[in-house]
Amino acid sequence: MNRETAKPRVKALALLSGGLDSTLAIKLILDQGIDVEALNFVSPFCLCGKGGCGAAETAKKLGVPLKIISVGEEYLKVVRKPKHGYGRNMNPCIDCRIFMLMKAKRYAEETGASFIFTGEVLDERPMSQHFAALKTIENEAELKDEILRPLSAKLLPETRAEKRGIVNREKLLGIRGRSRKPQIKLAEKYNIIDYPCPAGGCLLTYKEFANKLRDLFTHKKRVSLADVNLLKVGRHFRYGKSKIIVGRNETENKILTARRNMNDYFFEVSDCGSPITLLQGSKTKGAIERAAALTSYYSDKKESRIHVKFGKKTMDRSIIVSASNQAEVNKLRIA
């Protein structure tokens, strides 16, 4: 074909989590001769850290450019008050998808992408991937009939990209439900052998972390990213208006020491293996005693009365307490 008369290649924007579904969706679109750029969102609740669940490695293997967007304080507002509520724990799946797709829409406009597509599978996720939820997400992200879902496209209404002939609908799929067999079979066809399990990489779906976050939102009006990141460290306890965090190992002890605020108290049992404990919020006599007792409970010292150092800038104060018992630990722990 004469280069002067060749049609310009179409560009599409993919939401890439790094999982198998989004990887397969990209392969299906690449197979139609469409250029793809991948977009990956990293939130404070990602289990995989920066680069999101192997997204960078996946994009490299697929040969597509990757844009990583970190979301922070703005996203915390979505998590705190989701319009469409939570899943089983603190996962605002519908609001999360709307949030990401609105950002994806702006990025697609900036980069000249003709359409956006995802790896979503109809009825795979009970909250956000049934038909009504998919339509709600599209409408509220102002992307009605604009989001292509290649793995389930034949079970969904035609998108604008299909109607315009940019994408051949006949080459798309009609996968539905929670079974992974069709995706695994397709992965074998594409020789994709190294992909993560479908368990999900979001801390908000984990009960213990969700309870910690719920407690934080209940007791603090202004929540920062630093507050959220601290939820990932140590054992967390609530005593009235006071928050107590007890380190589990040397690494966490160092983190708690480095991240303590100027108004926090920190505690340690003298002359033995001991956790570092932070006391945040109210510093009443009872709170100080509980923090010291919990520090004693998790220390290596096994005596009836234990000497605990504590303070703000330095541990220049001390208290003698009896270690907490298991019943008290269970009562105070946020789990």
C-alpha atoms as a PDB file:
ATOM      1  CA  MET A   1       0.000   0.000   0.000  1.00  0.00           C
ATOM      2  CA  ASN A   2       1.223   3.493  -0.831  1.00  0.00           C
ATOM      3  CA  ARG A   3       2.411   5.177   2.362  1.00  0.00           C
ATOM      4  CA  GLU A   4       0.705   8.426   1.400  1.00  0.00           C
ATOM      5  CA  THR A   5      -2.699   6.743   1.287  1.00  0.00           C
ATOM      6  CA  ALA A   6      -2.233   4.506   4.343  1.00  0.00           C
ATOM      7  CA  LYS A   7      -4.666   5.161   7.148  1.00  0.00           C
ATOM      8  CA  PRO A   8      -3.182   6.398  10.424  1.00  0.00           C
ATOM      9  CA  ARG A   9      -3.077   3.726  13.140  1.00  0.00           C
ATOM     10  CA  VAL A  10      -5.708   3.895  15.830  1.00  0.00           C
ATOM     11  CA  LYS A  11      -4.584   4.304  19.436  1.00  0.00           C
ATOM     12  CA  ALA A  12      -6.447   2.883  22.437  1.00  0.00           C
ATOM     13  CA  LEU A  13      -5.963   3.353  26.176  1.00  0.00           C
ATOM     14  CA  ALA A  14      -6.037   0.237  28.376  1.00  0.00           C
ATOM     15  CA  LEU A  15      -6.553   0.068  32.129  1.00  0.00           C
ATOM     16  CA  LEU A  16      -3.871  -2.407  33.151  1.00  0.00           C
ATOM     17  CA  SER A  17      -3.911  -3.902  36.632  1.00  0.00           C
ATOM     18  CA  GLY A  18      -1.169  -6.405  35.872  1.00  0.00           C
ATOM     19  CA  GLY A  19      -3.574  -9.322  36.247  1.00  0.00           C
ATOM     20  CA  LEU A  20      -4.493 -11.907  33.641  1.00  0.00           C
ATOM     21  CA  ASP A  21      -7.796 -10.344  32.521  1.00  0.00           C
ATOM     22  CA  SER A  22      -6.332  -6.941  31.620  1.00  0.00           C
ATOM     23  CA  THR A  23      -3.317  -8.635  29.995  1.00  0.00           C
ATOM     24  CA  LEU A  24      -5.585 -10.722  27.753  1.00  0.00           C
ATOM     25  CA  ALA A  25      -7.711  -7.702  26.878  1.00  0.00           C
ATOM     26  CA  ILE A  26      -4.626  -5.893  25.624  1.00  0.00           C
ATOM     27  CA  LYS A  27      -3.579  -8.902  23.547  1.00  0.00           C
ATOM     28  CA  LEU A  28      -7.003  -9.013  21.876  1.00  0.00           C
ATOM     29  CA  ILE A  29      -6.792  -5.346  20.923  1.00  0.00           C
ATOM     30  CA  LEU A  30      -3.173  -5.549  19.764  1.00  0.00           C
ATOM     31  CA  ASP A  31      -4.199  -8.457  17.524  1.00  0.00           C
ATOM     32  CA  GLN A  32      -6.506  -6.065  15.674  1.00  0.00           C
ATOM     33  CA  GLY A  33      -3.583  -3.857  14.690  1.00  0.00           C
ATOM     34  CA  ILE A  34      -4.463  -1.135  17.187  1.00  0.00           C
ATOM     35  CA  ASP A  35      -1.770   0.706  19.106  1.00  0.00           C
ATOM     36  CA  VAL A  36      -2.221   0.476  22.869  1.00  0.00           C
ATOM     37  CA  GLU A  37      -0.979   2.545  25.783  1.00  0.00           C
ATOM     38  CA  ALA A  38      -1.547   1.114  29.248  1.00  0.00           C
ATOM     39  CA  LEU A  39      -2.605   3.087  32.307  1.00  0.00           C
ATOM     40  CA  ASN A  40      -2.025   1.780  35.835  1.00  0.00           C
ATOM     41  CA  PHE A  41      -3.286   3.364  39.057  1.00  0.00           C
ATOM     42  CA  VAL A  42      -1.361   3.031  42.314  1.00  0.00           C
ATOM     43  CA  SER A  43      -3.227   3.860  45.524  1.00  0.00           C
ATOM     44  CA  PRO A  44      -2.222   3.828  49.211  1.00  0.00           C
ATOM     45  CA  PHE A  45      -4.124   0.534  49.435  1.00  0.00           C
ATOM     46  CA  CYS A  46      -2.175  -1.384  46.775  1.00  0.00           C
ATOM     47  CA  LEU A  47      -0.494  -4.500  48.096  1.00  0.00           C
ATOM     48  CA  CYS A  48       2.057  -4.494  45.312  1.00  0.00           C
ATOM     49  CA  GLY A  49       3.627  -1.077  45.822  1.00  0.00           C
ATOM     50  CA  LYS A  50       4.699   1.347  43.110  1.00  0.00           C
ATOM     51  CA  GLY A  51       4.342  -0.195  39.672  1.00  0.00           C
ATOM     52  CA  GLY A  52       1.146  -1.934  40.703  1.00  0.00           C
ATOM     53  CA  CYS A  53       0.878  -5.734  40.743  1.00  0.00           C
ATOM     54  CA  GLY A  54       3.436  -6.405  38.012  1.00  0.00           C
ATOM     55  CA  ALA A  55       1.914  -3.882  35.606  1.00  0.00           C
ATOM     56  CA  ALA A  56       5.334  -2.542  34.567  1.00  0.00           C
ATOM     57  CA  GLU A  57       6.655  -6.013  33.783  1.00  0.00           C
ATOM     58  CA  THR A  58       3.438  -6.971  31.972  1.00  0.00           C
ATOM     59  CA  ALA A  59       3.503  -3.831  29.831  1.00  0.00           C
ATOM     60  CA  LYS A  60       7.125  -4.520  28.923  1.00  0.00           C
ATOM     61  CA  LYS A  61       6.312  -8.089  27.845  1.00  0.00           C
ATOM     62  CA  LEU A  62       3.366  -6.869  25.780  1.00  0.00           C
ATOM     63  CA  GLY A  63       5.483  -4.140  24.200  1.00  0.00           C
ATOM     64  CA  VAL A  64       3.143  -1.314  25.161  1.00  0.00           C
ATOM     65  CA  PRO A  65       4.019   1.980  26.850  1.00  0.00           C
ATOM     66  CA  LEU A  66       2.827   2.367  30.433  1.00  0.00           C
ATOM     67  CA  LYS A  67       1.675   5.433  32.317  1.00  0.00           C
ATOM     68  CA  ILE A  68       1.504   5.041  36.111  1.00  0.00           C
ATOM     69  CA  ILE A  69      -0.713   7.429  38.070  1.00  0.00           C
ATOM     70  CA  SER A  70      -0.470   7.592  41.847  1.00  0.00           C
ATOM     71  CA  VAL A  71      -3.650   8.622  43.644  1.00  0.00           C
ATOM     72  CA  GLY A  72      -3.569   9.907  47.208  1.00  0.00           C
ATOM     73  CA  GLU A  73      -5.511  12.453  49.249  1.00  0.00           C
ATOM     74  CA  GLU A  74      -8.160  12.817  46.535  1.00  0.00           C
ATOM     75  CA  TYR A  75      -8.740   9.080  46.530  1.00  0.00           C
ATOM     76  CA  LEU A  76      -9.032   8.974  50.331  1.00  0.00           C
ATOM     77  CA  LYS A  77     -12.155  11.133  50.014  1.00  0.00           C
ATOM     78  CA  VAL A  78     -13.704   8.522  47.727  1.00  0.00           C
ATOM     79  CA  VAL A  79     -12.896   5.735  50.170  1.00  0.00           C
ATOM     80  CA  ARG A  80     -14.214   7.665  53.146  1.00  0.00           C
ATOM     81  CA  LYS A  81     -17.616   8.485  51.661  1.00  0.00           C
ATOM     82  CA  PRO A  82     -18.402   6.329  48.621  1.00  0.00           C
ATOM     83  CA  LYS A  83     -21.678   7.206  46.935  1.00  0.00           C
ATOM     84  CA  HIS A  84     -22.339   3.565  46.067  1.00  0.00           C
ATOM     85  CA  GLY A  85     -21.219   2.044  49.341  1.00  0.00           C
ATOM     86  CA  TYR A  86     -18.738  -0.688  50.164  1.00  0.00           C
ATOM     87  CA  GLY A  87     -18.254  -4.323  49.287  1.00  0.00           C
ATOM     88  CA  ARG A  88     -17.720  -6.920  51.984  1.00  0.00           C
ATOM     89  CA  ASN A  89     -15.179  -4.760  53.822  1.00  0.00           C
ATOM     90  CA  MET A  90     -14.092  -1.174  53.023  1.00  0.00           C
ATOM     91  CA  ASN A  91     -13.771  -1.628  49.266  1.00  0.00           C
ATOM     92  CA  PRO A  92     -15.779   1.026  47.375  1.00  0.00           C
ATOM     93  CA  CYS A  93     -15.479  -0.859  44.091  1.00  0.00           C
ATOM     94  CA  ILE A  94     -18.046   1.059  42.018  1.00  0.00           C
ATOM     95  CA  ASP A  95     -16.840   4.485  43.163  1.00  0.00           C
ATOM     96  CA  CYS A  96     -13.245   3.357  42.634  1.00  0.00           C
ATOM     97  CA  ARG A  97     -13.916   2.411  39.008  1.00  0.00           C
ATOM     98  CA  ILE A  98     -15.705   5.688  38.372  1.00  0.00           C
ATOM     99  CA  PHE A  99     -12.790   7.594  39.885  1.00  0.00           C
ATOM    100  CA  MET A 100     -10.214   5.780  37.751  1.00  0.00           C
ATOM    101  CA  LEU A 101     -12.201   6.008  34.532  1.00  0.00           C
ATOM    102  CA  MET A 102     -12.752   9.737  34.928  1.00  0.00           C
ATOM    103  CA  LYS A 103      -8.990  10.167  35.157  1.00  0.00           C
ATOM    104  CA  ALA A 104      -8.499   7.763  32.260  1.00  0.00           C
ATOM    105  CA  LYS A 105     -10.931   9.795  30.167  1.00  0.00           C
ATOM    106  CA  ARG A 106      -8.906  12.969  30.708  1.00  0.00           C
ATOM    107  CA  TYR A 107      -5.670  11.167  29.893  1.00  0.00           C
ATOM    108  CA  ALA A 108      -7.183   9.650  26.729  1.00  0.00           C
ATOM    109  CA  GLU A 109      -8.216  13.124  25.571  1.00  0.00           C
ATOM    110  CA  GLU A 110      -4.717  14.463  26.243  1.00  0.00           C
ATOM    111  CA  THR A 111      -2.990  11.651  24.354  1.00  0.00           C
ATOM    112  CA  GLY A 112      -5.393  11.228  21.459  1.00  0.00           C
ATOM    113  CA  ALA A 113      -6.649   7.751  22.288  1.00  0.00           C
ATOM    114  CA  SER A 114      -9.761   6.821  20.297  1.00  0.00           C
ATOM    115  CA  PHE A 115     -11.276   4.635  23.023  1.00  0.00           C
ATOM    116  CA  ILE A 116     -10.718   3.158  26.481  1.00  0.00           C
ATOM    117  CA  PHE A 117     -10.873  -0.535  27.266  1.00  0.00           C
ATOM    118  CA  THR A 118     -10.571  -2.697  30.387  1.00  0.00           C
ATOM    119  CA  GLY A 119     -10.134  -6.339  31.362  1.00  0.00           C
ATOM    120  CA  GLU A 120     -13.477  -6.504  33.151  1.00  0.00           C
ATOM    121  CA  VAL A 121     -15.503  -9.683  32.790  1.00  0.00           C
ATOM    122  CA  LEU A 122     -19.287  -9.634  33.096  1.00  0.00           C
ATOM    123  CA  ASP A 123     -20.419 -11.063  36.477  1.00  0.00           C
ATOM    124  CA  GLU A 124     -16.874 -11.890  37.600  1.00  0.00           C
ATOM    125  CA  ARG A 125     -16.996  -9.448  40.545  1.00  0.00           C
ATOM    126  CA  PRO A 126     -20.256  -9.409  42.518  1.00  0.00           C
ATOM    127  CA  MET A 127     -20.276  -5.683  43.296  1.00  0.00           C
ATOM    128  CA  SER A 128     -18.818  -3.891  40.296  1.00  0.00           C
ATOM    129  CA  GLN A 129     -19.041  -6.185  37.276  1.00  0.00           C
ATOM    130  CA  HIS A 130     -22.701  -7.116  36.960  1.00  0.00           C
ATOM    131  CA  PHE A 131     -24.526  -5.451  34.080  1.00  0.00           C
ATOM    132  CA  ALA A 132     -26.251  -2.702  36.079  1.00  0.00           C
ATOM    133  CA  ALA A 133     -23.006  -1.740  37.821  1.00  0.00           C
ATOM    134  CA  LEU A 134     -21.110  -1.552  34.531  1.00  0.00           C
ATOM    135  CA  LYS A 135     -23.745   0.800  33.134  1.00  0.00           C
ATOM    136  CA  THR A 136     -23.724   2.945  36.297  1.00  0.00           C
ATOM    137  CA  ILE A 137     -19.945   3.235  36.131  1.00  0.00           C
ATOM    138  CA  GLU A 138     -20.042   4.252  32.460  1.00  0.00           C
ATOM    139  CA  ASN A 139     -22.738   6.852  32.990  1.00  0.00           C
ATOM    140  CA  GLU A 140     -21.197   8.483  36.052  1.00  0.00           C
ATOM    141  CA  ALA A 141     -17.743   8.564  34.475  1.00  0.00           C
ATOM    142  CA  GLU A 142     -19.389  10.282  31.484  1.00  0.00           C
ATOM    143  CA  LEU A 143     -18.311   7.437  29.215  1.00  0.00           C
ATOM    144  CA  LYS A 144     -21.656   5.985  28.140  1.00  0.00           C
ATOM    145  CA  ASP A 145     -21.110   3.417  25.356  1.00  0.00           C
ATOM    146  CA  GLU A 146     -17.415   4.360  25.303  1.00  0.00           C
ATOM    147  CA  ILE A 147     -15.787   1.644  27.438  1.00  0.00           C
ATOM    148  CA  LEU A 148     -14.885  -1.513  25.533  1.00  0.00           C
ATOM    149  CA  ARG A 149     -14.571  -4.745  27.520  1.00  0.00           C
ATOM    150  CA  PRO A 150     -12.986  -7.162  25.022  1.00  0.00           C
ATOM    151  CA  LEU A 151     -13.362 -10.300  27.156  1.00  0.00           C
ATOM    152  CA  SER A 152     -17.152  -9.905  27.462  1.00  0.00           C
ATOM    153  CA  ALA A 153     -17.946  -7.617  24.532  1.00  0.00           C
ATOM    154  CA  LYS A 154     -20.283 -10.027  22.737  1.00  0.00           C
ATOM    155  CA  LEU A 155     -22.539 -10.113  25.811  1.00  0.00           C
ATOM    156  CA  LEU A 156     -22.699  -6.326  26.115  1.00  0.00           C
ATOM    157  CA  PRO A 157     -24.149  -3.555  23.941  1.00  0.00           C
ATOM    158  CA  GLU A 158     -21.951  -2.323  21.103  1.00  0.00           C
ATOM    159  CA  THR A 159     -19.606   0.473  22.010  1.00  0.00           C
ATOM    160  CA  ARG A 160     -18.936   3.476  19.818  1.00  0.00           C
ATOM    161  CA  ALA A 161     -15.572   2.022  18.765  1.00  0.00           C
ATOM    162  CA  GLU A 162     -17.341  -1.095  17.467  1.00  0.00           C
ATOM    163  CA  LYS A 163     -20.075   0.853  15.726  1.00  0.00           C
ATOM    164  CA  ARG A 164     -17.488   3.002  13.950  1.00  0.00           C
ATOM    165  CA  GLY A 165     -15.605  -0.070  12.791  1.00  0.00           C
ATOM    166  CA  ILE A 166     -12.465   0.809  14.724  1.00  0.00           C
ATOM    167  CA  VAL A 167     -12.743  -2.555  16.477  1.00  0.00           C
ATOM    168  CA  ASN A 168     -13.988  -5.780  14.900  1.00  0.00           C
ATOM    169  CA  ARG A 169     -16.621  -7.117  17.311  1.00  0.00           C
ATOM    170  CA  GLU A 170     -16.410 -10.600  15.798  1.00  0.00           C
ATOM    171  CA  LYS A 171     -12.851 -10.937  17.104  1.00  0.00           C
ATOM    172  CA  LEU A 172     -13.887 -10.127  20.660  1.00  0.00           C
ATOM    173  CA  LEU A 173     -15.138 -12.607  23.268  1.00  0.00           C
ATOM    174  CA  GLY A 174     -18.205 -13.449  25.336  1.00  0.00           C
ATOM    175  CA  ILE A 175     -16.774 -14.610  28.658  1.00  0.00           C
ATOM    176  CA  ARG A 176     -19.032 -14.443  31.679  1.00  0.00           C
ATOM    177  CA  GLY A 177     -18.850 -15.411  35.361  1.00  0.00           C
ATOM    178  CA  ARG A 178     -16.239 -16.210  37.970  1.00  0.00           C
ATOM    179  CA  SER A 179     -14.701 -19.299  36.376  1.00  0.00           C
ATOM    180  CA  ARG A 180     -11.155 -18.677  35.175  1.00  0.00           C
ATOM    181  CA  LYS A 181     -11.096 -21.563  32.703  1.00  0.00           C
ATOM    182  CA  PRO A 182     -11.718 -19.475  29.533  1.00  0.00           C
ATOM    183  CA  GLN A 183      -8.994 -16.985  30.505  1.00  0.00           C
ATOM    184  CA  ILE A 184      -6.519 -19.740  31.354  1.00  0.00           C
ATOM    185  CA  LYS A 185      -7.184 -21.432  28.008  1.00  0.00           C
ATOM    186  CA  LEU A 186      -6.661 -18.123  26.199  1.00  0.00           C
ATOM    187  CA  ALA A 187      -3.462 -17.519  28.166  1.00  0.00           C
ATOM    188  CA  GLU A 188      -2.155 -20.866  26.943  1.00  0.00           C
ATOM    189  CA  LYS A 189      -2.938 -19.842  23.372  1.00  0.00           C
ATOM    190  CA  TYR A 190      -0.943 -16.643  23.800  1.00  0.00           C
ATOM    191  CA  ASN A 191       1.814 -18.466  25.713  1.00  0.00           C
ATOM    192  CA  ILE A 192       1.215 -16.304  28.777  1.00  0.00           C
ATOM    193  CA  ILE A 193       2.477 -18.436  31.637  1.00  0.00           C
ATOM    194  CA  ASP A 194       3.573 -16.016  34.353  1.00  0.00           C
ATOM    195  CA  TYR A 195       0.607 -14.111  35.756  1.00  0.00           C
ATOM    196  CA  PRO A 196      -0.634 -13.350  39.283  1.00  0.00           C
ATOM    197  CA  CYS A 197      -3.448 -15.202  41.010  1.00  0.00           C
ATOM    198  CA  PRO A 198      -6.887 -13.521  40.937  1.00  0.00           C
ATOM    199  CA  ALA A 199      -7.047 -12.921  44.712  1.00  0.00           C
ATOM    200  CA  GLY A 200      -6.813  -9.171  44.270  1.00  0.00           C
ATOM    201  CA  GLY A 201      -4.227  -6.648  45.375  1.00  0.00           C
ATOM    202  CA  CYS A 202      -6.293  -4.198  47.405  1.00  0.00           C
ATOM    203  CA  LEU A 203      -5.923  -3.882  51.172  1.00  0.00           C
ATOM    204  CA  LEU A 204      -9.471  -2.565  51.413  1.00  0.00           C
ATOM    205  CA  THR A 205     -10.767  -6.076  50.767  1.00  0.00           C
ATOM    206  CA  TYR A 206      -8.969  -7.447  53.850  1.00  0.00           C
ATOM    207  CA  LYS A 207     -11.023  -7.552  57.030  1.00  0.00           C
ATOM    208  CA  GLU A 208      -8.302  -6.579  59.517  1.00  0.00           C
ATOM    209  CA  PHE A 209      -7.043  -3.657  57.463  1.00  0.00           C
ATOM    210  CA  ALA A 210     -10.606  -2.511  56.758  1.00  0.00           C
ATOM    211  CA  ASN A 211     -11.341  -2.494  60.484  1.00  0.00           C
ATOM    212  CA  LYS A 212      -8.232  -0.407  61.133  1.00  0.00           C
ATOM    213  CA  LEU A 213      -9.250   2.082  58.459  1.00  0.00           C
ATOM    214  CA  ARG A 214     -12.831   2.243  59.729  1.00  0.00           C
ATOM    215  CA  ASP A 215     -11.531   2.965  63.233  1.00  0.00           C
ATOM    216  CA  LEU A 216      -9.255   5.695  61.852  1.00  0.00           C
ATOM    217  CA  PHE A 217     -12.097   7.389  59.961  1.00  0.00           C
ATOM    218  CA  THR A 218     -14.301   7.186  63.084  1.00  0.00           C
ATOM    219  CA  HIS A 219     -11.780   8.847  65.386  1.00  0.00           C
ATOM    220  CA  LYS A 220     -10.011  11.316  63.081  1.00  0.00           C
ATOM    221  CA  LYS A 221     -11.608  14.004  60.920  1.00  0.00           C
ATOM    222  CA  ARG A 222      -8.574  14.738  58.779  1.00  0.00           C
ATOM    223  CA  VAL A 223      -6.825  11.606  57.607  1.00  0.00           C
ATOM    224  CA  SER A 224      -3.497  11.851  55.781  1.00  0.00           C
ATOM    225  CA  LEU A 225      -1.586   9.397  53.634  1.00  0.00           C
ATOM    226  CA  ALA A 226       0.869   9.074  56.517  1.00  0.00           C
ATOM    227  CA  ASP A 227      -2.009   7.917  58.755  1.00  0.00           C
ATOM    228  CA  VAL A 228      -3.044   5.311  56.184  1.00  0.00           C
ATOM    229  CA  ASN A 229       0.495   4.036  55.678  1.00  0.00           C
ATOM    230  CA  LEU A 230       0.877   3.613  59.439  1.00  0.00           C
ATOM    231  CA  LEU A 231      -2.090   1.214  59.387  1.00  0.00           C
ATOM    232  CA  LYS A 232       0.159  -1.234  57.526  1.00  0.00           C
ATOM    233  CA  VAL A 233       2.620  -1.395  60.427  1.00  0.00           C
ATOM    234  CA  GLY A 234       2.250  -3.140  63.779  1.00  0.00           C
ATOM    235  CA  ARG A 235      -0.638  -4.318  65.937  1.00  0.00           C
ATOM    236  CA  HIS A 236      -3.321  -1.657  66.462  1.00  0.00           C
ATOM    237  CA  PHE A 237      -5.344  -1.067  69.619  1.00  0.00           C
ATOM    238  CA  ARG A 238      -8.054   1.413  70.642  1.00  0.00           C
ATOM    239  CA  TYR A 239      -8.465   2.705  74.187  1.00  0.00           C
ATOM    240  CA  GLY A 240     -11.126   5.442  74.241  1.00  0.00           C
ATOM    241  CA  LYS A 241      -9.727   8.413  72.309  1.00  0.00           C
ATOM    242  CA  SER A 242      -6.246   6.918  72.293  1.00  0.00           C
ATOM    243  CA  LYS A 243      -4.621   4.804  69.582  1.00  0.00           C
ATOM    244  CA  ILE A 244      -1.865   2.350  70.527  1.00  0.00           C
ATOM    245  CA  ILE A 245       0.403   0.725  67.911  1.00  0.00           C
ATOM    246  CA  VAL A 246       2.787  -2.067  68.928  1.00  0.00           C
ATOM    247  CA  GLY A 247       5.649  -3.145  66.650  1.00  0.00           C
ATOM    248  CA  ARG A 248       5.920  -6.813  65.661  1.00  0.00           C
ATOM    249  CA  ASN A 249       9.618  -6.997  64.819  1.00  0.00           C
ATOM    250  CA  GLU A 250      12.797  -4.949  64.530  1.00  0.00           C
ATOM    251  CA  THR A 251      11.876  -3.596  61.113  1.00  0.00           C
ATOM    252  CA  GLU A 252       8.518  -2.318  62.355  1.00  0.00           C
ATOM    253  CA  ASN A 253      10.162  -0.901  65.480  1.00  0.00           C
ATOM    254  CA  LYS A 254      12.394   1.221  63.262  1.00  0.00           C
ATOM    255  CA  ILE A 255       9.440   2.356  61.155  1.00  0.00           C
ATOM    256  CA  LEU A 256       7.379   3.331  64.201  1.00  0.00           C
ATOM    257  CA  THR A 257      10.314   5.225  65.694  1.00  0.00           C
ATOM    258  CA  ALA A 258      10.911   7.103  62.428  1.00  0.00           C
ATOM    259  CA  ARG A 259       7.252   7.896  61.739  1.00  0.00           C
ATOM    260  CA  ARG A 260       6.112   9.020  65.188  1.00  0.00           C
ATOM    261  CA  ASN A 261       4.644  12.502  65.347  1.00  0.00           C
ATOM    262  CA  MET A 262       5.968  15.150  67.688  1.00  0.00           C
ATOM    263  CA  ASN A 263       2.991  14.632  70.036  1.00  0.00           C
ATOM    264  CA  ASP A 264       3.205  10.831  70.139  1.00  0.00           C
ATOM    265  CA  TYR A 265       4.584   8.960  73.122  1.00  0.00           C
ATOM    266  CA  PHE A 266       6.753   5.931  72.441  1.00  0.00           C
ATOM    267  CA  PHE A 267       7.442   3.044  74.809  1.00  0.00           C
ATOM    268  CA  GLU A 268       9.970   0.239  75.262  1.00  0.00           C
ATOM    269  CA  VAL A 269      10.749  -2.366  77.937  1.00  0.00           C
ATOM    270  CA  SER A 270      14.285  -1.989  79.289  1.00  0.00           C
ATOM    271  CA  ASP A 271      17.036  -4.600  78.935  1.00  0.00           C
ATOM    272  CA  CYS A 272      15.237  -7.200  76.812  1.00  0.00           C
ATOM    273  CA  GLY A 273      13.738  -7.873  73.419  1.00  0.00           C
ATOM    274  CA  SER A 274      10.906  -5.365  73.248  1.00  0.00           C
ATOM    275  CA  PRO A 275       8.527  -3.838  70.769  1.00  0.00           C
ATOM    276  CA  ILE A 276       8.403  -0.112  70.182  1.00  0.00           C
ATOM    277  CA  THR A 277       4.903   1.130  70.983  1.00  0.00           C
ATOM    278  CA  LEU A 278       3.308   4.400  69.891  1.00  0.00           C
ATOM    279  CA  LEU A 279       0.568   6.147  71.848  1.00  0.00           C
ATOM    280  CA  GLN A 280      -1.412   8.616  69.749  1.00  0.00           C
ATOM    281  CA  GLY A 281      -4.316  10.842  70.693  1.00  0.00           C
ATOM    282  CA  SER A 282      -5.297  11.344  74.322  1.00  0.00           C
ATOM    283  CA  LYS A 283      -2.448  10.797  76.823  1.00  0.00           C
ATOM    284  CA  THR A 284      -4.465  10.089  79.952  1.00  0.00           C
ATOM    285  CA  LYS A 285      -3.019   8.097  82.841  1.00  0.00           C
ATOM    286  CA  GLY A 286      -5.134   5.112  81.806  1.00  0.00           C
ATOM    287  CA  ALA A 287      -3.916   5.329  78.194  1.00  0.00           C
ATOM    288  CA  ILE A 288      -0.281   5.486  79.286  1.00  0.00           C
ATOM    289  CA  GLU A 289      -0.785   2.468  81.554  1.00  0.00           C
ATOM    290  CA  ARG A 290      -2.472   0.478  78.753  1.00  0.00           C
ATOM    291  CA  ALA A 291       0.276   1.322  76.257  1.00  0.00           C
ATOM    292  CA  ALA A 292       2.941   0.297  78.761  1.00  0.00           C
ATOM    293  CA  ALA A 293       1.088  -2.914  79.637  1.00  0.00           C
ATOM    294  CA  LEU A 294       0.752  -3.866  75.968  1.00  0.00           C
ATOM    295  CA  THR A 295       4.444  -3.172  75.414  1.00  0.00           C
ATOM    296  CA  SER A 296       5.178  -5.478  78.355  1.00  0.00           C
ATOM    297  CA  TYR A 297       2.858  -8.187  77.029  1.00  0.00           C
ATOM    298  CA  TYR A 298       4.716  -8.411  73.713  1.00  0.00           C
ATOM    299  CA  SER A 299       8.204  -8.079  75.228  1.00  0.00           C
ATOM    300  CA  ASP A 300      10.522 -10.940  76.156  1.00  0.00           C
ATOM    301  CA  LYS A 301      10.467 -10.036  79.832  1.00  0.00           C
ATOM    302  CA  LYS A 302       8.247 -12.369  81.864  1.00  0.00           C
ATOM    303  CA  GLU A 303       7.899 -10.884  85.339  1.00  0.00           C
ATOM    304  CA  SER A 304       4.913  -9.890  87.464  1.00  0.00           C
ATOM    305  CA  ARG A 305       5.918  -6.208  87.431  1.00  0.00           C
ATOM    306  CA  ILE A 306       7.782  -4.736  84.461  1.00  0.00           C
ATOM    307  CA  HIS A 307       9.685  -1.480  84.066  1.00  0.00           C
ATOM    308  CA  VAL A 308       8.731   0.408  80.870  1.00  0.00           C
ATOM    309  CA  LYS A 309      10.465   3.513  79.517  1.00  0.00           C
ATOM    310  CA  PHE A 310       8.494   6.110  77.562  1.00  0.00           C
ATOM    311  CA  GLY A 311       8.474   9.731  76.437  1.00  0.00           C
ATOM    312  CA  LYS A 312       8.118  12.092  73.471  1.00  0.00           C
ATOM    313  CA  LYS A 313      11.477  13.167  72.048  1.00  0.00           C
ATOM    314  CA  THR A 314      13.334  10.712  74.271  1.00  0.00           C
ATOM    315  CA  MET A 315      12.268   7.991  76.673  1.00  0.00           C
ATOM    316  CA  ASP A 316      12.974  10.088  79.738  1.00  0.00           C
ATOM    317  CA  ARG A 317      10.055   8.794  81.815  1.00  0.00           C
ATOM    318  CA  SER A 318       9.200   5.375  83.181  1.00  0.00           C
ATOM    319  CA  ILE A 319       6.364   3.392  84.658  1.00  0.00           C
ATOM    320  CA  ILE A 320       6.078  -0.018  86.339  1.00  0.00           C
ATOM    321  CA  VAL A 321       3.126  -2.108  85.211  1.00  0.00           C
ATOM    322  CA  SER A 322       1.813  -5.631  85.013  1.00  0.00           C
ATOM    323  CA  ALA A 323       1.696  -7.007  81.495  1.00  0.00           C
ATOM    324  CA  SER A 324      -1.722  -7.149  79.842  1.00  0.00           C
ATOM    325  CA  ASN A 325      -3.480 -10.495  79.786  1.00  0.00           C
ATOM    326  CA  GLN A 326      -4.875 -12.159  76.685  1.00  0.00           C
ATOM    327  CA  ALA A 327      -8.449 -11.085  77.440  1.00  0.00           C
ATOM    328  CA  GLU A 328      -7.481  -7.413  77.642  1.00  0.00           C
ATOM    329  CA  VAL A 329      -5.386  -7.670  74.497  1.00  0.00           C
ATOM    330  CA  ASN A 330      -8.326  -9.140  72.588  1.00  0.00           C
ATOM    331  CA  LYS A 331     -10.691  -6.503  73.925  1.00  0.00           C
ATOM    332  CA  LEU A 332      -8.518  -3.568  72.869  1.00  0.00           C
ATOM    333  CA  ARG A 333      -7.188  -4.888  69.574  1.00  0.00           C
ATOM    334  CA  ILE A 334      -8.561  -3.615  66.278  1.00  0.00           C
ATOM    335  CA  ALA A 335      -8.765  -6.770  64.199  1.00  0.00           C
END
